[in-house]
Amino acid sequence: MKATGIVRRIDDLGRVVIPKEIRKTLRIREGDPLEIFTDREGGVILKKYSPIGELRNFARGYAEALNQTLGHTVLIADKDGFVSISGISKKDYVEKKISKELEDVIEGRRTFAIAEDNKGIPLYEGEDVGRYSSQVIAPIISEGDAVGAVVLGSKEGTKFGDVETKLAETAATFLGKQMEQ
Protein backbone atom coordinates (compact mmCIF):
# COMPACT_ATOMS: atom_id res chain seq x y z
CA MET A 1 0.00 0.00 0.00
CA LYS A 2 1.10 3.55 -0.67
CA ALA A 3 0.55 6.17 2.05
CA THR A 4 -1.15 9.41 0.99
CA GLY A 5 -0.71 11.34 4.23
CA ILE A 6 -4.44 12.12 4.24
CA VAL A 7 -6.47 11.27 7.35
CA ARG A 8 -10.27 11.25 7.49
CA ARG A 9 -12.70 10.52 10.33
CA ILE A 10 -15.70 8.21 10.09
CA ASP A 11 -18.98 10.07 10.69
CA ASP A 12 -21.87 8.89 12.89
CA LEU A 13 -23.35 6.94 9.93
CA GLY A 14 -20.11 5.02 9.30
CA ARG A 15 -19.15 7.04 6.22
CA VAL A 16 -15.75 8.32 5.23
CA VAL A 17 -15.07 10.88 2.49
CA ILE A 18 -12.53 9.96 -0.18
CA PRO A 19 -10.63 13.18 -0.95
CA LYS A 20 -11.30 14.86 -4.30
CA GLU A 21 -7.64 14.56 -5.37
CA ILE A 22 -7.73 10.77 -4.95
CA ARG A 23 -11.14 10.45 -6.65
CA LYS A 24 -9.86 12.48 -9.61
CA THR A 25 -6.60 10.53 -9.92
CA LEU A 26 -8.39 7.18 -9.76
CA ARG A 27 -11.35 8.36 -11.86
CA ILE A 28 -13.84 7.59 -9.12
CA ARG A 29 -17.15 9.38 -9.67
CA GLU A 30 -20.36 9.62 -7.73
CA GLY A 31 -22.22 6.34 -8.02
CA ASP A 32 -19.15 4.26 -8.98
CA PRO A 33 -19.11 0.89 -7.23
CA LEU A 34 -16.18 0.16 -4.91
CA GLU A 35 -15.10 -3.23 -3.60
CA ILE A 36 -13.99 -3.44 0.04
CA PHE A 37 -11.10 -5.68 1.08
CA THR A 38 -9.31 -6.18 4.38
CA ASP A 39 -5.74 -7.23 4.95
CA ARG A 40 -4.17 -9.23 7.78
CA GLU A 41 -2.86 -6.13 9.50
CA GLY A 42 -6.37 -4.69 9.91
CA GLY A 43 -6.21 -2.40 6.88
CA VAL A 44 -9.21 -1.59 4.74
CA ILE A 45 -8.67 -1.40 0.98
CA LEU A 46 -11.15 0.17 -1.42
CA LYS A 47 -10.85 -0.80 -5.07
CA LYS A 48 -12.92 0.29 -8.05
CA TYR A 49 -15.21 -2.55 -8.96
CA SER A 50 -15.21 -3.70 -12.59
CA PRO A 51 -18.20 -5.80 -13.60
CA ILE A 52 -16.34 -6.74 -16.78
CA GLY A 53 -13.45 -7.93 -14.62
CA GLU A 54 -15.82 -10.57 -13.23
CA LEU A 55 -16.07 -11.95 -16.78
CA ARG A 56 -12.30 -11.73 -17.46
CA ASN A 57 -11.88 -15.36 -18.61
CA PHE A 58 -15.07 -15.26 -20.63
CA ALA A 59 -14.08 -11.94 -22.25
CA ARG A 60 -10.63 -13.34 -23.07
CA GLY A 61 -12.19 -16.31 -24.86
CA TYR A 62 -14.58 -14.07 -26.78
CA ALA A 63 -11.76 -11.72 -27.82
CA GLU A 64 -9.61 -14.64 -28.99
CA ALA A 65 -12.49 -16.11 -31.00
CA LEU A 66 -13.16 -12.76 -32.70
CA ASN A 67 -9.44 -12.35 -33.42
CA GLN A 68 -9.21 -15.84 -34.96
CA THR A 69 -12.32 -15.23 -37.07
CA LEU A 70 -11.47 -11.71 -38.28
CA GLY A 71 -7.69 -11.65 -38.05
CA HIS A 72 -7.81 -8.20 -36.45
CA THR A 73 -6.88 -6.83 -33.04
CA VAL A 74 -9.62 -7.20 -30.42
CA LEU A 75 -9.58 -5.39 -27.08
CA ILE A 76 -12.18 -5.43 -24.34
CA ALA A 77 -12.01 -2.56 -21.87
CA ASP A 78 -13.82 -1.47 -18.75
CA LYS A 79 -13.96 2.20 -17.76
CA ASP A 80 -10.41 2.14 -16.41
CA GLY A 81 -8.24 -0.26 -18.37
CA PHE A 82 -8.08 -3.25 -20.69
CA VAL A 83 -9.56 -6.52 -19.50
CA SER A 84 -8.76 -8.65 -22.55
CA ILE A 85 -6.34 -8.23 -25.46
CA SER A 86 -6.01 -10.46 -28.51
CA GLY A 87 -4.06 -10.10 -31.75
CA ILE A 88 -1.49 -7.60 -30.47
CA SER A 89 1.26 -7.49 -27.86
CA LYS A 90 -0.39 -7.35 -24.45
CA LYS A 91 2.46 -5.27 -23.00
CA ASP A 92 1.28 -2.32 -25.11
CA TYR A 93 -2.00 -2.17 -23.18
CA VAL A 94 -1.65 -3.94 -19.81
CA GLU A 95 -1.64 -1.61 -16.80
CA LYS A 96 -2.55 1.44 -18.92
CA LYS A 97 -5.55 3.65 -18.28
CA ILE A 98 -7.98 4.13 -21.12
CA SER A 99 -7.82 7.48 -22.89
CA LYS A 100 -10.26 10.30 -22.28
CA GLU A 101 -11.42 9.85 -25.89
CA LEU A 102 -12.25 6.16 -25.35
CA GLU A 103 -13.96 7.02 -22.08
CA ASP A 104 -16.08 9.60 -23.97
CA VAL A 105 -17.13 6.95 -26.54
CA ILE A 106 -18.16 4.61 -23.70
CA GLU A 107 -20.09 7.35 -21.90
CA GLY A 108 -21.67 8.49 -25.20
CA ARG A 109 -23.15 5.00 -25.66
CA ARG A 110 -22.73 5.13 -29.45
CA THR A 111 -20.60 2.96 -31.69
CA PHE A 112 -17.56 4.76 -33.08
CA ALA A 113 -15.98 3.85 -36.43
CA ILE A 114 -13.16 5.57 -38.27
CA ALA A 115 -14.45 7.69 -41.12
CA GLU A 116 -12.43 8.24 -44.30
CA ASP A 117 -11.00 11.52 -43.01
CA ASN A 118 -10.55 10.42 -39.39
CA LYS A 119 -7.40 9.03 -37.81
CA GLY A 120 -9.26 7.22 -35.06
CA ILE A 121 -8.80 7.80 -31.37
CA PRO A 122 -6.06 6.82 -28.95
CA LEU A 123 -7.10 3.90 -26.75
CA TYR A 124 -4.84 4.64 -23.80
CA GLU A 125 -3.31 7.82 -22.43
CA GLY A 126 -0.29 8.72 -24.55
CA GLU A 127 -0.99 6.36 -27.47
CA ASP A 128 -0.26 7.67 -30.96
CA VAL A 129 -3.34 8.73 -32.92
CA GLY A 130 -3.54 6.87 -36.20
CA ARG A 131 -2.10 3.62 -34.87
CA TYR A 132 -4.95 1.78 -36.58
CA SER A 133 -6.06 2.24 -40.17
CA SER A 134 -9.49 0.96 -39.13
CA GLN A 135 -11.15 1.07 -35.74
CA VAL A 136 -14.60 0.20 -34.38
CA ILE A 137 -15.56 0.81 -30.76
CA ALA A 138 -18.85 -0.55 -29.43
CA PRO A 139 -19.86 0.41 -25.87
CA ILE A 140 -20.88 -2.37 -23.48
CA ILE A 141 -24.15 -1.54 -21.71
CA SER A 142 -25.24 -3.58 -18.70
CA GLU A 143 -28.42 -2.87 -16.73
CA GLY A 144 -28.55 0.58 -18.32
CA ASP A 145 -24.99 1.52 -17.36
CA ALA A 146 -22.13 2.04 -19.81
CA VAL A 147 -19.45 -0.24 -18.34
CA GLY A 148 -16.86 -0.73 -21.07
CA ALA A 149 -16.25 -1.29 -24.77
CA VAL A 150 -15.31 -3.83 -27.42
CA VAL A 151 -12.63 -2.45 -29.75
CA LEU A 152 -11.67 -3.85 -33.14
CA GLY A 153 -8.59 -2.47 -34.86
CA SER A 154 -6.51 -3.09 -37.98
CA LYS A 155 -3.10 -1.72 -38.92
CA GLU A 156 -3.10 -3.37 -42.33
CA GLY A 157 -4.85 -0.68 -44.35
CA THR A 158 -8.10 -2.65 -44.21
CA LYS A 159 -11.25 -0.54 -44.11
CA PHE A 160 -13.90 -1.88 -41.77
CA GLY A 161 -17.49 -2.01 -42.97
CA ASP A 162 -20.88 -2.99 -41.63
CA VAL A 163 -19.79 -6.56 -40.83
CA GLU A 164 -17.05 -5.49 -38.40
CA THR A 165 -19.31 -2.87 -36.85
CA LYS A 166 -22.09 -5.41 -36.31
CA LEU A 167 -19.64 -7.97 -34.86
CA ALA A 168 -18.31 -5.43 -32.36
CA GLU A 169 -21.85 -4.38 -31.42
CA THR A 170 -22.93 -8.03 -31.07
CA ALA A 171 -19.94 -8.78 -28.81
CA ALA A 172 -20.68 -5.70 -26.69
CA THR A 173 -24.36 -6.59 -26.37
CA PHE A 174 -23.55 -10.21 -25.52
CA LEU A 175 -21.03 -9.24 -22.81
CA GLY A 176 -23.51 -6.74 -21.37
CA LYS A 177 -26.19 -9.43 -21.17
CA GLN A 178 -23.75 -11.86 -19.50
CA MET A 179 -23.12 -9.31 -16.74
CA GLU A 180 -26.84 -9.01 -16.10
CA GLN A 181 -27.19 -12.71 -15.27
C-alpha atoms as a PDB file:
ATOM      1  CA  MET A   1       0.000   0.000   0.000  1.00  0.00           C
ATOM      2  CA  LYS A   2       1.100   3.554  -0.674  1.00  0.00           C
ATOM      3  CA  ALA A   3       0.555   6.167   2.048  1.00  0.00           C
ATOM      4  CA  THR A   4      -1.147   9.408   0.993  1.00  0.00           C
ATOM      5  CA  GLY A   5      -0.714  11.340   4.231  1.00  0.00           C
ATOM      6  CA  ILE A   6      -4.441  12.117   4.245  1.00  0.00           C
ATOM      7  CA  VAL A   7      -6.475  11.266   7.350  1.00  0.00           C
ATOM      8  CA  ARG A   8     -10.275  11.254   7.490  1.00  0.00           C
ATOM      9  CA  ARG A   9     -12.697  10.519  10.332  1.00  0.00           C
ATOM     10  CA  ILE A  10     -15.700   8.214  10.092  1.00  0.00           C
ATOM     11  CA  ASP A  11     -18.983  10.065  10.687  1.00  0.00           C
ATOM     12  CA  ASP A  12     -21.865   8.891  12.885  1.00  0.00           C
ATOM     13  CA  LEU A  13     -23.348   6.944   9.933  1.00  0.00           C
ATOM     14  CA  GLY A  14     -20.108   5.018   9.302  1.00  0.00           C
ATOM     15  CA  ARG A  15     -19.146   7.043   6.224  1.00  0.00           C
ATOM     16  CA  VAL A  16     -15.751   8.321   5.233  1.00  0.00           C
ATOM     17  CA  VAL A  17     -15.070  10.875   2.493  1.00  0.00           C
ATOM     18  CA  ILE A  18     -12.534   9.960  -0.180  1.00  0.00           C
ATOM     19  CA  PRO A  19     -10.630  13.184  -0.948  1.00  0.00           C
ATOM     20  CA  LYS A  20     -11.304  14.859  -4.297  1.00  0.00           C
ATOM     21  CA  GLU A  21      -7.645  14.560  -5.375  1.00  0.00           C
ATOM     22  CA  ILE A  22      -7.728  10.773  -4.955  1.00  0.00           C
ATOM     23  CA  ARG A  23     -11.138  10.450  -6.653  1.00  0.00           C
ATOM     24  CA  LYS A  24      -9.862  12.483  -9.608  1.00  0.00           C
ATOM     25  CA  THR A  25      -6.600  10.534  -9.916  1.00  0.00           C
ATOM     26  CA  LEU A  26      -8.389   7.177  -9.756  1.00  0.00           C
ATOM     27  CA  ARG A  27     -11.354   8.363 -11.859  1.00  0.00           C
ATOM     28  CA  ILE A  28     -13.845   7.586  -9.121  1.00  0.00           C
ATOM     29  CA  ARG A  29     -17.147   9.380  -9.672  1.00  0.00           C
ATOM     30  CA  GLU A  30     -20.356   9.621  -7.728  1.00  0.00           C
ATOM     31  CA  GLY A  31     -22.217   6.338  -8.019  1.00  0.00           C
ATOM     32  CA  ASP A  32     -19.147   4.263  -8.982  1.00  0.00           C
ATOM     33  CA  PRO A  33     -19.113   0.889  -7.225  1.00  0.00           C
ATOM     34  CA  LEU A  34     -16.177   0.164  -4.907  1.00  0.00           C
ATOM     35  CA  GLU A  35     -15.097  -3.234  -3.598  1.00  0.00           C
ATOM     36  CA  ILE A  36     -13.994  -3.435   0.036  1.00  0.00           C
ATOM     37  CA  PHE A  37     -11.095  -5.678   1.079  1.00  0.00           C
ATOM     38  CA  THR A  38      -9.313  -6.177   4.377  1.00  0.00           C
ATOM     39  CA  ASP A  39      -5.736  -7.229   4.949  1.00  0.00           C
ATOM     40  CA  ARG A  40      -4.169  -9.234   7.781  1.00  0.00           C
ATOM     41  CA  GLU A  41      -2.855  -6.127   9.504  1.00  0.00           C
ATOM     42  CA  GLY A  42      -6.370  -4.687   9.907  1.00  0.00           C
ATOM     43  CA  GLY A  43      -6.210  -2.400   6.883  1.00  0.00           C
ATOM     44  CA  VAL A  44      -9.206  -1.594   4.736  1.00  0.00           C
ATOM     45  CA  ILE A  45      -8.669  -1.402   0.982  1.00  0.00           C
ATOM     46  CA  LEU A  46     -11.148   0.175  -1.420  1.00  0.00           C
ATOM     47  CA  LYS A  47     -10.853  -0.800  -5.074  1.00  0.00           C
ATOM     48  CA  LYS A  48     -12.919   0.295  -8.052  1.00  0.00           C
ATOM     49  CA  TYR A  49     -15.211  -2.551  -8.963  1.00  0.00           C
ATOM     50  CA  SER A  50     -15.208  -3.700 -12.587  1.00  0.00           C
ATOM     51  CA  PRO A  51     -18.201  -5.800 -13.600  1.00  0.00           C
ATOM     52  CA  ILE A  52     -16.337  -6.740 -16.780  1.00  0.00           C
ATOM     53  CA  GLY A  53     -13.453  -7.930 -14.624  1.00  0.00           C
ATOM     54  CA  GLU A  54     -15.824 -10.571 -13.234  1.00  0.00           C
ATOM     55  CA  LEU A  55     -16.067 -11.953 -16.784  1.00  0.00           C
ATOM     56  CA  ARG A  56     -12.303 -11.731 -17.460  1.00  0.00           C
ATOM     57  CA  ASN A  57     -11.878 -15.359 -18.608  1.00  0.00           C
ATOM     58  CA  PHE A  58     -15.074 -15.262 -20.631  1.00  0.00           C
ATOM     59  CA  ALA A  59     -14.080 -11.940 -22.248  1.00  0.00           C
ATOM     60  CA  ARG A  60     -10.630 -13.340 -23.067  1.00  0.00           C
ATOM     61  CA  GLY A  61     -12.186 -16.313 -24.861  1.00  0.00           C
ATOM     62  CA  TYR A  62     -14.582 -14.071 -26.777  1.00  0.00           C
ATOM     63  CA  ALA A  63     -11.764 -11.719 -27.824  1.00  0.00           C
ATOM     64  CA  GLU A  64      -9.608 -14.641 -28.989  1.00  0.00           C
ATOM     65  CA  ALA A  65     -12.493 -16.109 -30.999  1.00  0.00           C
ATOM     66  CA  LEU A  66     -13.158 -12.758 -32.700  1.00  0.00           C
ATOM     67  CA  ASN A  67      -9.441 -12.350 -33.417  1.00  0.00           C
ATOM     68  CA  GLN A  68      -9.215 -15.836 -34.963  1.00  0.00           C
ATOM     69  CA  THR A  69     -12.316 -15.230 -37.072  1.00  0.00           C
ATOM     70  CA  LEU A  70     -11.475 -11.715 -38.281  1.00  0.00           C
ATOM     71  CA  GLY A  71      -7.685 -11.653 -38.053  1.00  0.00           C
ATOM     72  CA  HIS A  72      -7.814  -8.198 -36.445  1.00  0.00           C
ATOM     73  CA  THR A  73      -6.875  -6.830 -33.041  1.00  0.00           C
ATOM     74  CA  VAL A  74      -9.619  -7.196 -30.417  1.00  0.00           C
ATOM     75  CA  LEU A  75      -9.583  -5.394 -27.082  1.00  0.00           C
ATOM     76  CA  ILE A  76     -12.182  -5.428 -24.337  1.00  0.00           C
ATOM     77  CA  ALA A  77     -12.010  -2.555 -21.866  1.00  0.00           C
ATOM     78  CA  ASP A  78     -13.818  -1.467 -18.751  1.00  0.00           C
ATOM     79  CA  LYS A  79     -13.963   2.204 -17.759  1.00  0.00           C
ATOM     80  CA  ASP A  80     -10.412   2.139 -16.411  1.00  0.00           C
ATOM     81  CA  GLY A  81      -8.236  -0.263 -18.375  1.00  0.00           C
ATOM     82  CA  PHE A  82      -8.081  -3.249 -20.687  1.00  0.00           C
ATOM     83  CA  VAL A  83      -9.564  -6.521 -19.499  1.00  0.00           C
ATOM     84  CA  SER A  84      -8.762  -8.653 -22.552  1.00  0.00           C
ATOM     85  CA  ILE A  85      -6.335  -8.234 -25.457  1.00  0.00           C
ATOM     86  CA  SER A  86      -6.008 -10.458 -28.507  1.00  0.00           C
ATOM     87  CA  GLY A  87      -4.057 -10.100 -31.746  1.00  0.00           C
ATOM     88  CA  ILE A  88      -1.495  -7.598 -30.467  1.00  0.00           C
ATOM     89  CA  SER A  89       1.258  -7.493 -27.863  1.00  0.00           C
ATOM     90  CA  LYS A  90      -0.394  -7.348 -24.445  1.00  0.00           C
ATOM     91  CA  LYS A  91       2.462  -5.274 -23.003  1.00  0.00           C
ATOM     92  CA  ASP A  92       1.278  -2.319 -25.109  1.00  0.00           C
ATOM     93  CA  TYR A  93      -2.001  -2.172 -23.184  1.00  0.00           C
ATOM     94  CA  VAL A  94      -1.649  -3.937 -19.812  1.00  0.00           C
ATOM     95  CA  GLU A  95      -1.639  -1.610 -16.795  1.00  0.00           C
ATOM     96  CA  LYS A  96      -2.552   1.438 -18.917  1.00  0.00           C
ATOM     97  CA  LYS A  97      -5.555   3.648 -18.276  1.00  0.00           C
ATOM     98  CA  ILE A  98      -7.981   4.132 -21.116  1.00  0.00           C
ATOM     99  CA  SER A  99      -7.816   7.476 -22.886  1.00  0.00           C
ATOM    100  CA  LYS A 100     -10.258  10.298 -22.280  1.00  0.00           C
ATOM    101  CA  GLU A 101     -11.423   9.854 -25.892  1.00  0.00           C
ATOM    102  CA  LEU A 102     -12.246   6.163 -25.347  1.00  0.00           C
ATOM    103  CA  GLU A 103     -13.961   7.022 -22.078  1.00  0.00           C
ATOM    104  CA  ASP A 104     -16.075   9.595 -23.969  1.00  0.00           C
ATOM    105  CA  VAL A 105     -17.130   6.948 -26.540  1.00  0.00           C
ATOM    106  CA  ILE A 106     -18.156   4.613 -23.704  1.00  0.00           C
ATOM    107  CA  GLU A 107     -20.089   7.354 -21.905  1.00  0.00           C
ATOM    108  CA  GLY A 108     -21.669   8.491 -25.197  1.00  0.00           C
ATOM    109  CA  ARG A 109     -23.151   5.001 -25.662  1.00  0.00           C
ATOM    110  CA  ARG A 110     -22.729   5.129 -29.455  1.00  0.00           C
ATOM    111  CA  THR A 111     -20.602   2.964 -31.688  1.00  0.00           C
ATOM    112  CA  PHE A 112     -17.556   4.765 -33.083  1.00  0.00           C
ATOM    113  CA  ALA A 113     -15.982   3.850 -36.430  1.00  0.00           C
ATOM    114  CA  ILE A 114     -13.158   5.571 -38.267  1.00  0.00           C
ATOM    115  CA  ALA A 115     -14.454   7.693 -41.120  1.00  0.00           C
ATOM    116  CA  GLU A 116     -12.431   8.237 -44.296  1.00  0.00           C
ATOM    117  CA  ASP A 117     -10.998  11.523 -43.010  1.00  0.00           C
ATOM    118  CA  ASN A 118     -10.549  10.419 -39.395  1.00  0.00           C
ATOM    119  CA  LYS A 119      -7.399   9.029 -37.813  1.00  0.00           C
ATOM    120  CA  GLY A 120      -9.263   7.216 -35.056  1.00  0.00           C
ATOM    121  CA  ILE A 121      -8.802   7.804 -31.367  1.00  0.00           C
ATOM    122  CA  PRO A 122      -6.058   6.824 -28.950  1.00  0.00           C
ATOM    123  CA  LEU A 123      -7.101   3.899 -26.753  1.00  0.00           C
ATOM    124  CA  TYR A 124      -4.844   4.643 -23.798  1.00  0.00           C
ATOM    125  CA  GLU A 125      -3.314   7.820 -22.430  1.00  0.00           C
ATOM    126  CA  GLY A 126      -0.288   8.721 -24.547  1.00  0.00           C
ATOM    127  CA  GLU A 127      -0.995   6.359 -27.470  1.00  0.00           C
ATOM    128  CA  ASP A 128      -0.261   7.668 -30.958  1.00  0.00           C
ATOM    129  CA  VAL A 129      -3.336   8.729 -32.918  1.00  0.00           C
ATOM    130  CA  GLY A 130      -3.544   6.875 -36.197  1.00  0.00           C
ATOM    131  CA  ARG A 131      -2.103   3.624 -34.866  1.00  0.00           C
ATOM    132  CA  TYR A 132      -4.946   1.777 -36.579  1.00  0.00           C
ATOM    133  CA  SER A 133      -6.057   2.243 -40.166  1.00  0.00           C
ATOM    134  CA  SER A 134      -9.486   0.956 -39.131  1.00  0.00           C
ATOM    135  CA  GLN A 135     -11.151   1.066 -35.739  1.00  0.00           C
ATOM    136  CA  VAL A 136     -14.597   0.200 -34.384  1.00  0.00           C
ATOM    137  CA  ILE A 137     -15.557   0.807 -30.765  1.00  0.00           C
ATOM    138  CA  ALA A 138     -18.854  -0.551 -29.428  1.00  0.00           C
ATOM    139  CA  PRO A 139     -19.862   0.413 -25.868  1.00  0.00           C
ATOM    140  CA  ILE A 140     -20.881  -2.367 -23.480  1.00  0.00           C
ATOM    141  CA  ILE A 141     -24.146  -1.536 -21.706  1.00  0.00           C
ATOM    142  CA  SER A 142     -25.242  -3.580 -18.700  1.00  0.00           C
ATOM    143  CA  GLU A 143     -28.421  -2.865 -16.731  1.00  0.00           C
ATOM    144  CA  GLY A 144     -28.553   0.581 -18.316  1.00  0.00           C
ATOM    145  CA  ASP A 145     -24.987   1.517 -17.358  1.00  0.00           C
ATOM    146  CA  ALA A 146     -22.127   2.039 -19.811  1.00  0.00           C
ATOM    147  CA  VAL A 147     -19.446  -0.240 -18.340  1.00  0.00           C
ATOM    148  CA  GLY A 148     -16.859  -0.727 -21.075  1.00  0.00           C
ATOM    149  CA  ALA A 149     -16.249  -1.291 -24.772  1.00  0.00           C
ATOM    150  CA  VAL A 150     -15.311  -3.831 -27.420  1.00  0.00           C
ATOM    151  CA  VAL A 151     -12.632  -2.450 -29.748  1.00  0.00           C
ATOM    152  CA  LEU A 152     -11.672  -3.851 -33.143  1.00  0.00           C
ATOM    153  CA  GLY A 153      -8.591  -2.471 -34.859  1.00  0.00           C
ATOM    154  CA  SER A 154      -6.510  -3.090 -37.977  1.00  0.00           C
ATOM    155  CA  LYS A 155      -3.102  -1.724 -38.924  1.00  0.00           C
ATOM    156  CA  GLU A 156      -3.098  -3.372 -42.332  1.00  0.00           C
ATOM    157  CA  GLY A 157      -4.854  -0.680 -44.345  1.00  0.00           C
ATOM    158  CA  THR A 158      -8.102  -2.655 -44.210  1.00  0.00           C
ATOM    159  CA  LYS A 159     -11.252  -0.539 -44.111  1.00  0.00           C
ATOM    160  CA  PHE A 160     -13.900  -1.881 -41.772  1.00  0.00           C
ATOM    161  CA  GLY A 161     -17.486  -2.011 -42.968  1.00  0.00           C
ATOM    162  CA  ASP A 162     -20.877  -2.987 -41.634  1.00  0.00           C
ATOM    163  CA  VAL A 163     -19.788  -6.562 -40.827  1.00  0.00           C
ATOM    164  CA  GLU A 164     -17.050  -5.494 -38.402  1.00  0.00           C
ATOM    165  CA  THR A 165     -19.309  -2.865 -36.851  1.00  0.00           C
ATOM    166  CA  LYS A 166     -22.094  -5.412 -36.312  1.00  0.00           C
ATOM    167  CA  LEU A 167     -19.641  -7.968 -34.865  1.00  0.00           C
ATOM    168  CA  ALA A 168     -18.309  -5.425 -32.357  1.00  0.00           C
ATOM    169  CA  GLU A 169     -21.849  -4.382 -31.416  1.00  0.00           C
ATOM    170  CA  THR A 170     -22.926  -8.025 -31.066  1.00  0.00           C
ATOM    171  CA  ALA A 171     -19.941  -8.776 -28.814  1.00  0.00           C
ATOM    172  CA  ALA A 172     -20.680  -5.704 -26.692  1.00  0.00           C
ATOM    173  CA  THR A 173     -24.362  -6.592 -26.368  1.00  0.00           C
ATOM    174  CA  PHE A 174     -23.553 -10.212 -25.516  1.00  0.00           C
ATOM    175  CA  LEU A 175     -21.030  -9.239 -22.808  1.00  0.00           C
ATOM    176  CA  GLY A 176     -23.513  -6.738 -21.374  1.00  0.00           C
ATOM    177  CA  LYS A 177     -26.189  -9.433 -21.174  1.00  0.00           C
ATOM    178  CA  GLN A 178     -23.751 -11.855 -19.500  1.00  0.00           C
ATOM    179  CA  MET A 179     -23.117  -9.312 -16.744  1.00  0.00           C
ATOM    180  CA  GLU A 180     -26.837  -9.007 -16.103  1.00  0.00           C
ATOM    181  CA  GLN A 181     -27.192 -12.710 -15.273  1.00  0.00           C
END
